[in-house]
Amino acid sequence: MLKAFLKGLGLGALLAGSYALLKPPHSGEPNRRILKDYSKRLSGAATDLTGSLAETQVAISDLANQGMQTLGSARDDIQLAIRDFQRTAVPQMNRIQEQVAQLQADVDNSALLNGETDSDETADKEDE
């Protein structure tokens, strides 16, 4: 079905082109001048299109390079922030853990000095 359509389309284009060449609206020199002007305009449009495509390619390439640079910069900034956090937060967390351990030891020592033990507290609660 598609083959038949394409054959018909090709035959129609061939017949229309032949008729246009045999029965042009202008004759001789004016017709050649019109065709020459048309081909120059068409060639200029093709050149403009080629230039635009080249400019678009350059712009896309530049945009991709800028994106990669931005991505690299963002990655470096994130890595720097992580290193800063580790350098400042980890020692603080270690100090807090040491202080918690010291407090726990002080509470345990205080309970021992006061003579309180878990078994004494349990017995006191049972008496109540």
N, C-alpha and C. Protein backbone atom coordinates (compact mmCIF):
# COMPACT_ATOMS: atom_id res chain seq x y z
N MET A 1 0.83 -1.18 0.00
CA MET A 1 0.00 0.00 0.00
C MET A 1 0.88 1.25 0.00
N LEU A 2 1.90 1.25 0.86
CA LEU A 2 2.81 2.39 0.92
C LEU A 2 3.61 2.51 -0.37
N LYS A 3 3.99 1.36 -0.95
CA LYS A 3 4.74 1.38 -2.21
C LYS A 3 3.91 2.03 -3.30
N ALA A 4 2.66 1.67 -3.37
CA ALA A 4 1.78 2.22 -4.40
C ALA A 4 1.63 3.73 -4.22
N PHE A 5 1.49 4.16 -2.96
CA PHE A 5 1.37 5.59 -2.67
C PHE A 5 2.62 6.34 -3.10
N LEU A 6 3.80 5.79 -2.73
CA LEU A 6 5.05 6.44 -3.09
C LEU A 6 5.26 6.47 -4.60
N LYS A 7 4.87 5.40 -5.31
CA LYS A 7 4.97 5.40 -6.77
C LYS A 7 4.08 6.49 -7.37
N GLY A 8 2.89 6.58 -6.86
CA GLY A 8 1.96 7.60 -7.34
C GLY A 8 2.47 9.00 -7.06
N LEU A 9 3.04 9.18 -5.88
CA LEU A 9 3.59 10.48 -5.51
C LEU A 9 4.76 10.85 -6.43
N GLY A 10 5.63 9.90 -6.70
CA GLY A 10 6.77 10.15 -7.58
C GLY A 10 6.33 10.45 -9.01
N LEU A 11 5.36 9.70 -9.50
CA LEU A 11 4.85 9.91 -10.85
C LEU A 11 4.18 11.27 -10.95
N GLY A 12 3.42 11.63 -9.93
CA GLY A 12 2.77 12.94 -9.92
C GLY A 12 3.78 14.07 -9.93
N ALA A 13 4.85 13.93 -9.13
CA ALA A 13 5.89 14.96 -9.09
C ALA A 13 6.58 15.07 -10.43
N LEU A 14 6.84 13.93 -11.06
CA LEU A 14 7.49 13.93 -12.37
C LEU A 14 6.61 14.60 -13.44
N LEU A 15 5.33 14.27 -13.45
CA LEU A 15 4.41 14.87 -14.42
C LEU A 15 4.25 16.36 -14.17
N ALA A 16 4.13 16.76 -12.92
CA ALA A 16 3.97 18.18 -12.60
C ALA A 16 5.23 18.95 -12.98
N GLY A 17 6.39 18.40 -12.72
CA GLY A 17 7.64 19.06 -13.09
C GLY A 17 7.78 19.19 -14.59
N SER A 18 7.39 18.14 -15.31
CA SER A 18 7.45 18.18 -16.77
C SER A 18 6.52 19.25 -17.33
N TYR A 19 5.32 19.29 -16.80
CA TYR A 19 4.36 20.30 -17.26
C TYR A 19 4.87 21.71 -16.96
N ALA A 20 5.47 21.92 -15.78
CA ALA A 20 5.98 23.24 -15.43
C ALA A 20 7.10 23.66 -16.36
N LEU A 21 7.93 22.72 -16.78
CA LEU A 21 9.01 23.05 -17.70
C LEU A 21 8.49 23.35 -19.11
N LEU A 22 7.46 22.63 -19.53
CA LEU A 22 6.92 22.83 -20.86
C LEU A 22 6.01 24.06 -20.97
N LYS A 23 5.34 24.40 -19.91
CA LYS A 23 4.40 25.52 -19.91
C LYS A 23 4.75 26.53 -18.82
N PRO A 24 5.93 27.15 -18.84
CA PRO A 24 6.28 28.11 -17.80
C PRO A 24 5.49 29.41 -17.97
N PRO A 25 5.28 30.17 -16.85
CA PRO A 25 4.54 31.42 -16.95
C PRO A 25 5.33 32.48 -17.71
N HIS A 26 6.64 32.33 -17.74
CA HIS A 26 7.51 33.26 -18.46
C HIS A 26 8.30 32.46 -19.47
N SER A 27 8.80 33.14 -20.45
CA SER A 27 9.56 32.40 -21.46
C SER A 27 11.01 32.86 -21.48
N GLY A 28 11.88 31.97 -21.89
CA GLY A 28 13.27 32.26 -22.15
C GLY A 28 14.03 32.94 -21.03
N GLU A 29 14.57 34.11 -21.36
CA GLU A 29 15.46 34.85 -20.45
C GLU A 29 14.79 35.21 -19.12
N PRO A 30 13.57 35.75 -19.08
CA PRO A 30 12.96 36.05 -17.77
C PRO A 30 12.83 34.81 -16.89
N ASN A 31 12.51 33.69 -17.48
CA ASN A 31 12.36 32.46 -16.72
C ASN A 31 13.70 32.02 -16.13
N ARG A 32 14.78 32.12 -16.93
CA ARG A 32 16.10 31.74 -16.42
C ARG A 32 16.52 32.68 -15.29
N ARG A 33 16.21 33.98 -15.43
CA ARG A 33 16.56 34.96 -14.38
C ARG A 33 15.81 34.65 -13.09
N ILE A 34 14.54 34.34 -13.21
CA ILE A 34 13.73 34.00 -12.03
C ILE A 34 14.29 32.75 -11.35
N LEU A 35 14.61 31.72 -12.14
CA LEU A 35 15.17 30.49 -11.57
C LEU A 35 16.54 30.74 -10.93
N LYS A 36 17.35 31.58 -11.55
CA LYS A 36 18.68 31.90 -11.02
C LYS A 36 18.55 32.64 -9.69
N ASP A 37 17.62 33.64 -9.62
CA ASP A 37 17.39 34.38 -8.36
C ASP A 37 16.88 33.45 -7.27
N TYR A 38 15.97 32.55 -7.67
CA TYR A 38 15.41 31.61 -6.69
C TYR A 38 16.51 30.69 -6.15
N SER A 39 17.37 30.21 -7.03
CA SER A 39 18.44 29.31 -6.58
C SER A 39 19.43 30.05 -5.68
N LYS A 40 19.69 31.35 -5.97
CA LYS A 40 20.57 32.13 -5.09
C LYS A 40 19.94 32.30 -3.70
N ARG A 41 18.64 32.63 -3.69
CA ARG A 41 17.96 32.78 -2.39
C ARG A 41 17.96 31.46 -1.62
N LEU A 42 17.71 30.37 -2.34
CA LEU A 42 17.69 29.06 -1.70
C LEU A 42 19.08 28.70 -1.17
N SER A 43 20.12 29.00 -1.95
CA SER A 43 21.48 28.73 -1.52
C SER A 43 21.84 29.58 -0.30
N GLY A 44 21.43 30.85 -0.30
CA GLY A 44 21.67 31.72 0.86
C GLY A 44 20.97 31.22 2.11
N ALA A 45 19.72 30.75 1.92
CA ALA A 45 18.97 30.22 3.07
C ALA A 45 19.65 28.97 3.61
N ALA A 46 20.17 28.12 2.71
CA ALA A 46 20.86 26.90 3.15
C ALA A 46 22.14 27.27 3.90
N THR A 47 22.85 28.29 3.42
CA THR A 47 24.07 28.74 4.09
C THR A 47 23.74 29.30 5.47
N ASP A 48 22.67 30.10 5.55
CA ASP A 48 22.24 30.63 6.84
C ASP A 48 21.87 29.52 7.80
N LEU A 49 21.16 28.53 7.30
CA LEU A 49 20.75 27.41 8.14
C LEU A 49 21.97 26.64 8.64
N THR A 50 22.95 26.44 7.76
CA THR A 50 24.18 25.74 8.16
C THR A 50 24.91 26.53 9.25
N GLY A 51 24.98 27.86 9.06
CA GLY A 51 25.62 28.71 10.08
C GLY A 51 24.88 28.65 11.40
N SER A 52 23.55 28.68 11.33
CA SER A 52 22.75 28.61 12.56
C SER A 52 22.94 27.28 13.27
N LEU A 53 23.01 26.20 12.48
CA LEU A 53 23.23 24.89 13.09
C LEU A 53 24.60 24.82 13.76
N ALA A 54 25.60 25.41 13.11
CA ALA A 54 26.95 25.41 13.70
C ALA A 54 26.97 26.22 14.99
N GLU A 55 26.29 27.38 14.98
CA GLU A 55 26.22 28.21 16.19
C GLU A 55 25.49 27.47 17.31
N THR A 56 24.43 26.76 16.94
CA THR A 56 23.68 25.99 17.94
C THR A 56 24.54 24.89 18.53
N GLN A 57 25.32 24.23 17.67
CA GLN A 57 26.22 23.18 18.16
C GLN A 57 27.24 23.74 19.15
N VAL A 58 27.80 24.90 18.82
CA VAL A 58 28.79 25.53 19.70
C VAL A 58 28.12 25.92 21.02
N ALA A 59 26.91 26.48 20.93
CA ALA A 59 26.20 26.88 22.15
C ALA A 59 25.90 25.67 23.04
N ILE A 60 25.48 24.58 22.44
CA ILE A 60 25.20 23.36 23.23
C ILE A 60 26.47 22.83 23.87
N SER A 61 27.56 22.85 23.12
CA SER A 61 28.84 22.39 23.66
C SER A 61 29.28 23.27 24.83
N ASP A 62 29.15 24.59 24.66
CA ASP A 62 29.51 25.51 25.74
C ASP A 62 28.64 25.27 26.97
N LEU A 63 27.35 25.08 26.74
CA LEU A 63 26.43 24.84 27.86
C LEU A 63 26.79 23.55 28.59
N ALA A 64 27.14 22.51 27.84
CA ALA A 64 27.54 21.24 28.47
C ALA A 64 28.81 21.43 29.28
N ASN A 65 29.78 22.18 28.74
CA ASN A 65 31.02 22.42 29.48
C ASN A 65 30.76 23.21 30.76
N GLN A 66 29.89 24.23 30.67
CA GLN A 66 29.56 25.01 31.87
C GLN A 66 28.86 24.14 32.90
N GLY A 67 27.98 23.25 32.42
CA GLY A 67 27.30 22.34 33.35
C GLY A 67 28.28 21.43 34.06
N MET A 68 29.26 20.93 33.32
CA MET A 68 30.26 20.06 33.94
C MET A 68 31.11 20.83 34.94
N GLN A 69 31.46 22.07 34.60
CA GLN A 69 32.25 22.88 35.54
C GLN A 69 31.44 23.18 36.79
N THR A 70 30.17 23.50 36.61
CA THR A 70 29.31 23.79 37.76
C THR A 70 29.15 22.55 38.64
N LEU A 71 28.97 21.40 37.99
CA LEU A 71 28.85 20.15 38.73
C LEU A 71 30.12 19.86 39.51
N GLY A 72 31.28 20.07 38.89
CA GLY A 72 32.55 19.84 39.58
C GLY A 72 32.72 20.79 40.75
N SER A 73 32.33 22.05 40.55
CA SER A 73 32.43 23.03 41.62
C SER A 73 31.51 22.67 42.78
N ALA A 74 30.29 22.26 42.46
CA ALA A 74 29.34 21.87 43.52
C ALA A 74 29.87 20.65 44.28
N ARG A 75 30.43 19.69 43.55
CA ARG A 75 30.99 18.50 44.20
C ARG A 75 32.12 18.89 45.15
N ASP A 76 33.00 19.80 44.70
CA ASP A 76 34.10 20.24 45.54
C ASP A 76 33.60 20.97 46.78
N ASP A 77 32.56 21.81 46.62
CA ASP A 77 31.99 22.53 47.75
C ASP A 77 31.38 21.56 48.77
N ILE A 78 30.70 20.54 48.28
CA ILE A 78 30.09 19.55 49.18
C ILE A 78 31.16 18.78 49.92
N GLN A 79 32.21 18.38 49.23
CA GLN A 79 33.30 17.65 49.88
C GLN A 79 33.98 18.52 50.93
N LEU A 80 34.15 19.80 50.64
CA LEU A 80 34.74 20.73 51.61
C LEU A 80 33.85 20.87 52.84
N ALA A 81 32.54 20.98 52.62
CA ALA A 81 31.61 21.09 53.74
C ALA A 81 31.64 19.83 54.61
N ILE A 82 31.74 18.67 53.98
CA ILE A 82 31.81 17.42 54.74
C ILE A 82 33.09 17.37 55.56
N ARG A 83 34.20 17.77 54.96
CA ARG A 83 35.47 17.77 55.71
C ARG A 83 35.42 18.76 56.88
N ASP A 84 34.83 19.93 56.65
CA ASP A 84 34.69 20.91 57.74
C ASP A 84 33.84 20.35 58.86
N PHE A 85 32.73 19.69 58.49
CA PHE A 85 31.86 19.10 59.50
C PHE A 85 32.60 18.04 60.30
N GLN A 86 33.33 17.19 59.60
CA GLN A 86 34.07 16.14 60.29
C GLN A 86 35.14 16.74 61.19
N ARG A 87 35.79 17.78 60.72
CA ARG A 87 36.86 18.39 61.51
C ARG A 87 36.30 19.07 62.77
N THR A 88 35.12 19.67 62.68
CA THR A 88 34.58 20.39 63.83
C THR A 88 33.62 19.56 64.67
N ALA A 89 32.77 18.77 64.04
CA ALA A 89 31.72 18.07 64.78
C ALA A 89 32.23 16.81 65.47
N VAL A 90 33.09 16.06 64.83
CA VAL A 90 33.55 14.80 65.42
C VAL A 90 34.27 15.03 66.75
N PRO A 91 35.19 15.98 66.84
CA PRO A 91 35.81 16.22 68.15
C PRO A 91 34.80 16.65 69.22
N GLN A 92 33.81 17.46 68.81
CA GLN A 92 32.79 17.88 69.77
C GLN A 92 31.96 16.69 70.23
N MET A 93 31.62 15.81 69.31
CA MET A 93 30.86 14.62 69.69
C MET A 93 31.68 13.73 70.61
N ASN A 94 32.97 13.61 70.37
CA ASN A 94 33.84 12.81 71.25
C ASN A 94 33.89 13.42 72.64
N ARG A 95 33.99 14.76 72.72
CA ARG A 95 34.00 15.41 74.03
C ARG A 95 32.68 15.19 74.77
N ILE A 96 31.58 15.26 74.04
CA ILE A 96 30.27 15.04 74.67
C ILE A 96 30.18 13.61 75.18
N GLN A 97 30.63 12.64 74.39
CA GLN A 97 30.60 11.25 74.83
C GLN A 97 31.48 11.04 76.06
N GLU A 98 32.63 11.70 76.10
CA GLU A 98 33.50 11.60 77.27
C GLU A 98 32.81 12.21 78.49
N GLN A 99 32.15 13.34 78.31
CA GLN A 99 31.45 13.98 79.43
C GLN A 99 30.30 13.12 79.92
N VAL A 100 29.56 12.49 79.00
CA VAL A 100 28.47 11.59 79.39
C VAL A 100 29.02 10.41 80.17
N ALA A 101 30.13 9.85 79.69
CA ALA A 101 30.75 8.72 80.40
C ALA A 101 31.21 9.15 81.78
N GLN A 102 31.79 10.36 81.88
CA GLN A 102 32.24 10.88 83.18
C GLN A 102 31.05 11.09 84.11
N LEU A 103 29.96 11.65 83.61
CA LEU A 103 28.76 11.85 84.42
C LEU A 103 28.21 10.51 84.91
N GLN A 104 28.18 9.53 84.01
CA GLN A 104 27.69 8.22 84.41
C GLN A 104 28.56 7.62 85.50
N ALA A 105 29.89 7.77 85.35
CA ALA A 105 30.80 7.26 86.37
C ALA A 105 30.59 8.00 87.69
N ASP A 106 30.38 9.33 87.61
CA ASP A 106 30.14 10.11 88.84
C ASP A 106 28.85 9.68 89.52
N VAL A 107 27.82 9.43 88.73
CA VAL A 107 26.54 8.97 89.31
C VAL A 107 26.73 7.61 89.96
N ASP A 108 27.44 6.72 89.30
CA ASP A 108 27.69 5.40 89.87
C ASP A 108 28.50 5.51 91.16
N ASN A 109 29.55 6.34 91.16
CA ASN A 109 30.37 6.54 92.36
C ASN A 109 29.56 7.17 93.47
N SER A 110 28.72 8.11 93.15
CA SER A 110 27.89 8.78 94.15
C SER A 110 26.95 7.78 94.80
N ALA A 111 26.39 6.91 94.00
CA ALA A 111 25.47 5.90 94.52
C ALA A 111 26.21 4.94 95.44
N LEU A 112 27.45 4.58 95.09
CA LEU A 112 28.22 3.68 95.92
C LEU A 112 28.61 4.35 97.23
N LEU A 113 28.97 5.66 97.16
CA LEU A 113 29.35 6.37 98.37
C LEU A 113 28.19 6.55 99.31
N ASN A 114 27.02 6.73 98.78
CA ASN A 114 25.83 6.91 99.62
C ASN A 114 25.30 5.57 100.10
N GLY A 115 25.92 4.49 99.65
CA GLY A 115 25.54 3.17 100.11
C GLY A 115 24.33 2.63 99.39
N GLU A 116 23.99 3.27 98.33
CA GLU A 116 22.83 2.81 97.57
C GLU A 116 23.31 1.86 96.49
N THR A 117 22.56 0.81 96.38
CA THR A 117 22.81 -0.13 95.29
C THR A 117 21.47 -0.44 94.66
N ASP A 118 21.49 -1.12 93.61
CA ASP A 118 20.25 -1.48 92.94
C ASP A 118 19.42 -2.39 93.84
N SER A 119 20.06 -3.27 94.57
CA SER A 119 19.30 -4.20 95.42
C SER A 119 18.70 -3.44 96.59
N ASP A 120 19.42 -2.43 97.16
CA ASP A 120 18.87 -1.64 98.25
C ASP A 120 17.66 -0.84 97.77
N GLU A 121 17.74 -0.28 96.57
CA GLU A 121 16.63 0.50 96.05
C GLU A 121 15.43 -0.38 95.79
N THR A 122 15.68 -1.60 95.32
CA THR A 122 14.58 -2.53 95.05
C THR A 122 13.92 -2.92 96.36
N ALA A 123 14.70 -3.16 97.39
CA ALA A 123 14.13 -3.54 98.68
C ALA A 123 13.34 -2.38 99.26
N ASP A 124 13.83 -1.13 99.11
CA ASP A 124 13.11 0.04 99.60
C ASP A 124 11.76 0.17 98.90
N LYS A 125 11.74 -0.08 97.62
CA LYS A 125 10.49 0.06 96.86
C LYS A 125 9.50 -1.03 97.28
N GLU A 126 10.01 -2.22 97.58
CA GLU A 126 9.11 -3.31 98.00
C GLU A 126 8.52 -3.02 99.36
N ASP A 127 9.27 -2.33 100.23
CA ASP A 127 8.78 -2.02 101.56
C ASP A 127 7.66 -1.00 101.51
N GLU A 128 7.67 -0.18 100.54
CA GLU A 128 6.65 0.90 100.45
C GLU A 128 5.39 0.30 100.02
